[in-house]
Amino acid sequence: MTYDQAKEIHQHLIDELIRNGFSYVDDQINIRLTENRGDEEILNITSRPSRHLFFYIENAIDILENSCANNYDEIVKRFQSNVSGEQITGIDVLLVDGTTFDLSQMPNHKPVIDMLRAVRSELRESSNNNE
């Protein structure tokens, strides 16, 4: 993958995430990039478009996995294995404003996550073939 190709793919992913309602993912990735990193480490990531692209994809996958209901049943089972007594049938979170949120109602981002994983695999394979 060339320098320009990596930049173009990176910008396309940003544009598509934002266009499809995932601007919070882009915001979180930018926070993760700068949080707890010095200028030299940030420059090390951003100065090489392919490295920046893979950083972006890895973090997008992580953020989406952590903000969806894909693993809801597994989470309920894990809670159940750590408590005794009544069967846990669901998990509600009490938000700061006093409202509750049923975690099972979180969106399913599996199709987007799968697409990002496929892109990552294809880019890795392409990079390995060019070395």
N, C-alpha and C. Protein backbone atom coordinates (compact mmCIF):
# COMPACT_ATOMS: atom_id res chain seq x y z
N MET A 1 0.85 -1.17 0.00
CA MET A 1 0.00 0.00 0.00
C MET A 1 0.90 1.24 0.00
N THR A 2 0.59 2.14 -0.89
CA THR A 2 1.39 3.36 -0.98
C THR A 2 0.96 4.37 0.08
N TYR A 3 1.78 5.37 0.25
CA TYR A 3 1.50 6.48 1.16
C TYR A 3 0.14 7.10 0.84
N ASP A 4 -0.08 7.42 -0.44
CA ASP A 4 -1.33 8.06 -0.87
C ASP A 4 -2.53 7.13 -0.71
N GLN A 5 -2.35 5.84 -1.00
CA GLN A 5 -3.45 4.89 -0.83
C GLN A 5 -3.88 4.81 0.63
N ALA A 6 -2.92 4.74 1.53
CA ALA A 6 -3.24 4.66 2.95
C ALA A 6 -4.00 5.90 3.41
N LYS A 7 -3.55 7.07 2.96
CA LYS A 7 -4.24 8.32 3.32
C LYS A 7 -5.66 8.34 2.77
N GLU A 8 -5.81 7.89 1.53
CA GLU A 8 -7.13 7.88 0.89
C GLU A 8 -8.09 6.91 1.60
N ILE A 9 -7.62 5.73 1.93
CA ILE A 9 -8.45 4.74 2.63
C ILE A 9 -8.82 5.26 4.01
N HIS A 10 -7.86 5.83 4.71
CA HIS A 10 -8.10 6.39 6.04
C HIS A 10 -9.19 7.46 5.97
N GLN A 11 -9.06 8.40 5.04
CA GLN A 11 -10.06 9.46 4.92
C GLN A 11 -11.42 8.90 4.53
N HIS A 12 -11.43 7.89 3.68
CA HIS A 12 -12.70 7.26 3.28
C HIS A 12 -13.39 6.63 4.50
N LEU A 13 -12.62 5.93 5.34
CA LEU A 13 -13.20 5.34 6.55
C LEU A 13 -13.77 6.41 7.47
N ILE A 14 -13.03 7.48 7.66
CA ILE A 14 -13.53 8.59 8.49
C ILE A 14 -14.84 9.12 7.93
N ASP A 15 -14.85 9.41 6.64
CA ASP A 15 -16.05 9.96 6.00
C ASP A 15 -17.24 9.02 6.12
N GLU A 16 -17.01 7.72 5.91
CA GLU A 16 -18.10 6.75 5.97
C GLU A 16 -18.63 6.58 7.39
N LEU A 17 -17.74 6.55 8.37
CA LEU A 17 -18.20 6.45 9.75
C LEU A 17 -19.07 7.65 10.11
N ILE A 18 -18.61 8.83 9.77
CA ILE A 18 -19.36 10.04 10.08
C ILE A 18 -20.69 10.07 9.32
N ARG A 19 -20.65 9.73 8.04
CA ARG A 19 -21.86 9.74 7.21
C ARG A 19 -22.91 8.76 7.72
N ASN A 20 -22.46 7.67 8.34
CA ASN A 20 -23.38 6.64 8.81
C ASN A 20 -23.70 6.74 10.31
N GLY A 21 -23.43 7.90 10.89
CA GLY A 21 -23.85 8.13 12.27
C GLY A 21 -22.87 7.68 13.33
N PHE A 22 -21.64 7.43 12.96
CA PHE A 22 -20.64 6.97 13.92
C PHE A 22 -19.56 8.03 14.17
N SER A 23 -19.95 9.29 14.17
CA SER A 23 -18.96 10.35 14.40
C SER A 23 -18.32 10.22 15.77
N TYR A 24 -19.06 9.64 16.73
CA TYR A 24 -18.49 9.46 18.07
C TYR A 24 -17.29 8.51 18.04
N VAL A 25 -17.28 7.59 17.10
CA VAL A 25 -16.14 6.67 16.97
C VAL A 25 -14.91 7.46 16.54
N ASP A 26 -15.07 8.32 15.55
CA ASP A 26 -13.94 9.14 15.10
C ASP A 26 -13.46 10.04 16.23
N ASP A 27 -14.39 10.63 16.97
CA ASP A 27 -14.01 11.48 18.11
C ASP A 27 -13.21 10.70 19.15
N GLN A 28 -13.67 9.49 19.47
CA GLN A 28 -12.99 8.67 20.47
C GLN A 28 -11.60 8.23 20.01
N ILE A 29 -11.48 7.94 18.73
CA ILE A 29 -10.16 7.54 18.20
C ILE A 29 -9.18 8.70 18.34
N ASN A 30 -9.63 9.90 18.03
CA ASN A 30 -8.75 11.07 18.15
C ASN A 30 -8.36 11.31 19.61
N ILE A 31 -9.28 11.08 20.52
CA ILE A 31 -8.95 11.20 21.95
C ILE A 31 -7.93 10.14 22.33
N ARG A 32 -8.15 8.90 21.89
CA ARG A 32 -7.22 7.82 22.21
C ARG A 32 -5.83 8.09 21.64
N LEU A 33 -5.78 8.71 20.49
CA LEU A 33 -4.48 9.00 19.87
C LEU A 33 -3.65 9.93 20.73
N THR A 34 -4.28 10.94 21.28
CA THR A 34 -3.53 11.95 22.02
C THR A 34 -3.45 11.68 23.52
N GLU A 35 -4.37 10.88 24.04
CA GLU A 35 -4.41 10.63 25.48
C GLU A 35 -3.21 9.79 25.92
N ASN A 36 -2.51 10.26 26.90
CA ASN A 36 -1.37 9.55 27.50
C ASN A 36 -0.24 9.26 26.52
N ARG A 37 -0.11 10.08 25.50
CA ARG A 37 0.98 9.92 24.53
C ARG A 37 1.73 11.24 24.41
N GLY A 38 3.02 11.14 24.27
CA GLY A 38 3.83 12.32 24.03
C GLY A 38 3.81 12.68 22.56
N ASP A 39 4.31 13.86 22.24
CA ASP A 39 4.33 14.33 20.85
C ASP A 39 5.08 13.37 19.94
N GLU A 40 6.18 12.81 20.43
CA GLU A 40 6.98 11.91 19.60
C GLU A 40 6.20 10.64 19.24
N GLU A 41 5.48 10.09 20.21
CA GLU A 41 4.70 8.88 19.94
C GLU A 41 3.54 9.17 18.99
N ILE A 42 2.90 10.32 19.17
CA ILE A 42 1.81 10.71 18.26
C ILE A 42 2.35 10.88 16.85
N LEU A 43 3.48 11.54 16.72
CA LEU A 43 4.11 11.74 15.41
C LEU A 43 4.51 10.41 14.79
N ASN A 44 4.97 9.47 15.59
CA ASN A 44 5.35 8.15 15.11
C ASN A 44 4.15 7.44 14.48
N ILE A 45 2.96 7.65 15.03
CA ILE A 45 1.76 7.03 14.48
C ILE A 45 1.27 7.80 13.26
N THR A 46 1.14 9.10 13.38
CA THR A 46 0.50 9.90 12.33
C THR A 46 1.38 10.20 11.13
N SER A 47 2.69 10.13 11.28
CA SER A 47 3.57 10.47 10.16
C SER A 47 3.65 9.35 9.12
N ARG A 48 3.22 8.18 9.48
CA ARG A 48 3.21 7.05 8.54
C ARG A 48 1.76 6.67 8.29
N PRO A 49 1.20 7.03 7.14
CA PRO A 49 -0.22 6.81 6.88
C PRO A 49 -0.69 5.37 7.08
N SER A 50 0.13 4.39 6.73
CA SER A 50 -0.31 3.00 6.91
C SER A 50 -0.43 2.67 8.40
N ARG A 51 0.51 3.13 9.20
CA ARG A 51 0.44 2.91 10.65
C ARG A 51 -0.78 3.63 11.24
N HIS A 52 -1.02 4.85 10.79
CA HIS A 52 -2.16 5.63 11.27
C HIS A 52 -3.47 4.93 10.87
N LEU A 53 -3.52 4.41 9.67
CA LEU A 53 -4.70 3.70 9.19
C LEU A 53 -4.99 2.47 10.06
N PHE A 54 -3.97 1.66 10.32
CA PHE A 54 -4.18 0.47 11.16
C PHE A 54 -4.55 0.86 12.59
N PHE A 55 -3.95 1.92 13.12
CA PHE A 55 -4.33 2.43 14.44
C PHE A 55 -5.81 2.79 14.43
N TYR A 56 -6.24 3.47 13.39
CA TYR A 56 -7.63 3.91 13.27
C TYR A 56 -8.58 2.71 13.23
N ILE A 57 -8.26 1.73 12.40
CA ILE A 57 -9.13 0.56 12.26
C ILE A 57 -9.20 -0.22 13.56
N GLU A 58 -8.06 -0.49 14.18
CA GLU A 58 -8.03 -1.25 15.45
C GLU A 58 -8.87 -0.56 16.51
N ASN A 59 -8.74 0.74 16.63
CA ASN A 59 -9.48 1.47 17.64
C ASN A 59 -10.96 1.57 17.30
N ALA A 60 -11.30 1.70 16.03
CA ALA A 60 -12.70 1.73 15.63
C ALA A 60 -13.38 0.41 16.00
N ILE A 61 -12.71 -0.70 15.74
CA ILE A 61 -13.25 -2.01 16.11
C ILE A 61 -13.46 -2.09 17.61
N ASP A 62 -12.46 -1.70 18.37
CA ASP A 62 -12.54 -1.76 19.83
C ASP A 62 -13.69 -0.90 20.36
N ILE A 63 -13.81 0.31 19.87
CA ILE A 63 -14.87 1.22 20.33
C ILE A 63 -16.24 0.66 19.98
N LEU A 64 -16.41 0.16 18.77
CA LEU A 64 -17.70 -0.39 18.37
C LEU A 64 -18.05 -1.65 19.16
N GLU A 65 -17.06 -2.49 19.41
CA GLU A 65 -17.32 -3.69 20.22
C GLU A 65 -17.77 -3.33 21.63
N ASN A 66 -17.21 -2.26 22.16
CA ASN A 66 -17.54 -1.86 23.53
C ASN A 66 -18.81 -1.03 23.62
N SER A 67 -19.41 -0.70 22.50
CA SER A 67 -20.62 0.12 22.54
C SER A 67 -21.79 -0.55 21.84
N CYS A 68 -21.81 -1.88 21.87
CA CYS A 68 -22.91 -2.59 21.22
C CYS A 68 -23.34 -3.79 22.05
N ALA A 69 -24.45 -4.36 21.65
CA ALA A 69 -25.04 -5.46 22.40
C ALA A 69 -24.58 -6.83 21.91
N ASN A 70 -23.55 -6.89 21.08
CA ASN A 70 -23.10 -8.17 20.53
C ASN A 70 -22.81 -9.20 21.61
N ASN A 71 -22.24 -8.78 22.72
CA ASN A 71 -21.83 -9.70 23.78
C ASN A 71 -22.77 -9.68 24.98
N TYR A 72 -23.96 -9.16 24.81
CA TYR A 72 -24.87 -8.98 25.94
C TYR A 72 -25.14 -10.30 26.68
N ASP A 73 -25.49 -11.35 25.96
CA ASP A 73 -25.79 -12.64 26.61
C ASP A 73 -24.59 -13.17 27.38
N GLU A 74 -23.40 -13.01 26.81
CA GLU A 74 -22.18 -13.46 27.49
C GLU A 74 -21.93 -12.65 28.76
N ILE A 75 -22.20 -11.37 28.71
CA ILE A 75 -22.03 -10.52 29.89
C ILE A 75 -22.99 -10.95 30.99
N VAL A 76 -24.23 -11.22 30.63
CA VAL A 76 -25.22 -11.68 31.62
C VAL A 76 -24.76 -12.99 32.24
N LYS A 77 -24.26 -13.91 31.43
CA LYS A 77 -23.76 -15.20 31.95
C LYS A 77 -22.59 -15.00 32.90
N ARG A 78 -21.68 -14.08 32.55
CA ARG A 78 -20.54 -13.80 33.41
C ARG A 78 -20.98 -13.24 34.76
N PHE A 79 -21.92 -12.32 34.73
CA PHE A 79 -22.45 -11.80 35.99
C PHE A 79 -23.08 -12.92 36.81
N GLN A 80 -23.87 -13.77 36.14
CA GLN A 80 -24.56 -14.85 36.83
C GLN A 80 -23.57 -15.80 37.49
N SER A 81 -22.46 -16.06 36.85
CA SER A 81 -21.48 -16.99 37.41
C SER A 81 -20.78 -16.42 38.64
N ASN A 82 -20.88 -15.11 38.84
CA ASN A 82 -20.22 -14.48 39.97
C ASN A 82 -21.14 -14.09 41.12
N VAL A 83 -22.41 -14.39 40.98
CA VAL A 83 -23.36 -14.08 42.06
C VAL A 83 -24.18 -15.32 42.38
N SER A 84 -24.64 -15.37 43.60
CA SER A 84 -25.53 -16.47 43.98
C SER A 84 -26.92 -15.90 44.18
N GLY A 85 -27.88 -16.76 44.12
CA GLY A 85 -29.25 -16.30 44.34
C GLY A 85 -30.06 -16.36 43.07
N GLU A 86 -30.90 -15.35 42.89
CA GLU A 86 -31.83 -15.34 41.77
C GLU A 86 -31.12 -15.27 40.41
N GLN A 87 -31.81 -15.80 39.43
CA GLN A 87 -31.32 -15.77 38.06
C GLN A 87 -31.30 -14.32 37.55
N ILE A 88 -30.19 -13.92 36.95
CA ILE A 88 -30.11 -12.59 36.34
C ILE A 88 -30.75 -12.67 34.96
N THR A 89 -31.73 -11.83 34.74
CA THR A 89 -32.44 -11.85 33.46
C THR A 89 -32.09 -10.67 32.58
N GLY A 90 -31.41 -9.69 33.13
CA GLY A 90 -31.04 -8.52 32.35
C GLY A 90 -30.20 -7.58 33.17
N ILE A 91 -29.64 -6.60 32.48
CA ILE A 91 -28.79 -5.62 33.15
C ILE A 91 -29.29 -4.23 32.78
N ASP A 92 -29.66 -3.48 33.80
CA ASP A 92 -30.03 -2.07 33.62
C ASP A 92 -28.96 -1.22 34.27
N VAL A 93 -28.61 -0.14 33.62
CA VAL A 93 -27.60 0.78 34.14
C VAL A 93 -28.30 2.06 34.56
N LEU A 94 -27.99 2.52 35.76
CA LEU A 94 -28.53 3.79 36.25
C LEU A 94 -27.62 4.91 35.77
N LEU A 95 -28.17 5.79 34.95
CA LEU A 95 -27.39 6.89 34.39
C LEU A 95 -27.34 8.06 35.37
N VAL A 96 -26.45 8.97 35.12
CA VAL A 96 -26.24 10.12 36.01
C VAL A 96 -27.52 10.92 36.22
N ASP A 97 -28.32 11.04 35.18
CA ASP A 97 -29.54 11.85 35.30
C ASP A 97 -30.69 11.11 35.99
N GLY A 98 -30.42 9.89 36.46
CA GLY A 98 -31.42 9.13 37.20
C GLY A 98 -32.25 8.17 36.37
N THR A 99 -32.11 8.22 35.06
CA THR A 99 -32.83 7.28 34.21
C THR A 99 -32.07 5.96 34.14
N THR A 100 -32.79 4.91 33.81
CA THR A 100 -32.14 3.61 33.64
C THR A 100 -32.09 3.26 32.16
N PHE A 101 -31.08 2.50 31.81
CA PHE A 101 -30.90 2.07 30.43
C PHE A 101 -30.69 0.57 30.43
N ASP A 102 -31.51 -0.13 29.66
CA ASP A 102 -31.42 -1.58 29.51
C ASP A 102 -30.32 -1.89 28.51
N LEU A 103 -29.25 -2.54 28.97
CA LEU A 103 -28.11 -2.80 28.09
C LEU A 103 -28.46 -3.68 26.89
N SER A 104 -29.52 -4.46 27.00
CA SER A 104 -29.91 -5.29 25.85
C SER A 104 -30.40 -4.43 24.68
N GLN A 105 -30.71 -3.17 24.95
CA GLN A 105 -31.20 -2.27 23.91
C GLN A 105 -30.08 -1.55 23.16
N MET A 106 -28.85 -1.87 23.53
CA MET A 106 -27.73 -1.26 22.80
C MET A 106 -27.75 -1.77 21.36
N PRO A 107 -27.30 -0.96 20.42
CA PRO A 107 -27.33 -1.38 19.01
C PRO A 107 -26.35 -2.52 18.73
N ASN A 108 -26.63 -3.23 17.65
CA ASN A 108 -25.75 -4.32 17.21
C ASN A 108 -24.87 -3.78 16.07
N HIS A 109 -23.60 -3.63 16.34
CA HIS A 109 -22.67 -3.10 15.34
C HIS A 109 -21.88 -4.21 14.64
N LYS A 110 -22.31 -5.45 14.79
CA LYS A 110 -21.56 -6.57 14.23
C LYS A 110 -21.27 -6.41 12.73
N PRO A 111 -22.24 -5.99 11.91
CA PRO A 111 -21.92 -5.83 10.48
C PRO A 111 -20.79 -4.82 10.22
N VAL A 112 -20.78 -3.73 10.95
CA VAL A 112 -19.73 -2.72 10.77
C VAL A 112 -18.39 -3.26 11.26
N ILE A 113 -18.42 -3.94 12.40
CA ILE A 113 -17.19 -4.53 12.96
C ILE A 113 -16.63 -5.57 11.99
N ASP A 114 -17.50 -6.42 11.45
CA ASP A 114 -17.05 -7.44 10.50
C ASP A 114 -16.45 -6.80 9.25
N MET A 115 -17.04 -5.71 8.78
CA MET A 115 -16.51 -5.01 7.60
C MET A 115 -15.13 -4.44 7.90
N LEU A 116 -14.97 -3.83 9.08
CA LEU A 116 -13.67 -3.27 9.45
C LEU A 116 -12.61 -4.36 9.59
N ARG A 117 -13.00 -5.50 10.14
CA ARG A 117 -12.06 -6.62 10.25
C ARG A 117 -11.65 -7.13 8.87
N ALA A 118 -12.61 -7.19 7.95
CA ALA A 118 -12.30 -7.64 6.59
C ALA A 118 -11.35 -6.66 5.90
N VAL A 119 -11.59 -5.37 6.07
CA VAL A 119 -10.70 -4.35 5.50
C VAL A 119 -9.31 -4.50 6.09
N ARG A 120 -9.24 -4.65 7.41
CA ARG A 120 -7.94 -4.81 8.08
C ARG A 120 -7.20 -6.03 7.53
N SER A 121 -7.89 -7.15 7.40
CA SER A 121 -7.26 -8.38 6.88
C SER A 121 -6.77 -8.19 5.45
N GLU A 122 -7.59 -7.57 4.64
CA GLU A 122 -7.21 -7.35 3.25
C GLU A 122 -6.00 -6.42 3.15
N LEU A 123 -5.99 -5.38 3.98
CA LEU A 123 -4.85 -4.45 3.96
C LEU A 123 -3.58 -5.12 4.46
N ARG A 124 -3.70 -5.95 5.49
CA ARG A 124 -2.53 -6.68 5.99
C ARG A 124 -1.99 -7.62 4.93
N GLU A 125 -2.90 -8.33 4.29
CA GLU A 125 -2.48 -9.27 3.24
C GLU A 125 -1.81 -8.51 2.10
N SER A 126 -2.38 -7.40 1.72
CA SER A 126 -1.81 -6.58 0.66
C SER A 126 -0.44 -6.05 1.06
N SER A 127 -0.31 -5.61 2.31
CA SER A 127 0.98 -5.10 2.80
C SER A 127 2.03 -6.20 2.82
N ASN A 128 1.63 -7.41 3.23
CA ASN A 128 2.58 -8.53 3.27
C ASN A 128 3.03 -8.94 1.88
N ASN A 129 2.14 -8.84 0.90
CA ASN A 129 2.50 -9.22 -0.46
C ASN A 129 3.41 -8.19 -1.12
N ASN A 130 3.39 -6.96 -0.61
CA ASN A 130 4.23 -5.90 -1.19
C ASN A 130 5.61 -5.83 -0.57
N GLU A 131 5.87 -6.62 0.45
CA GLU A 131 7.18 -6.58 1.12
C GLU A 131 8.17 -7.50 0.45
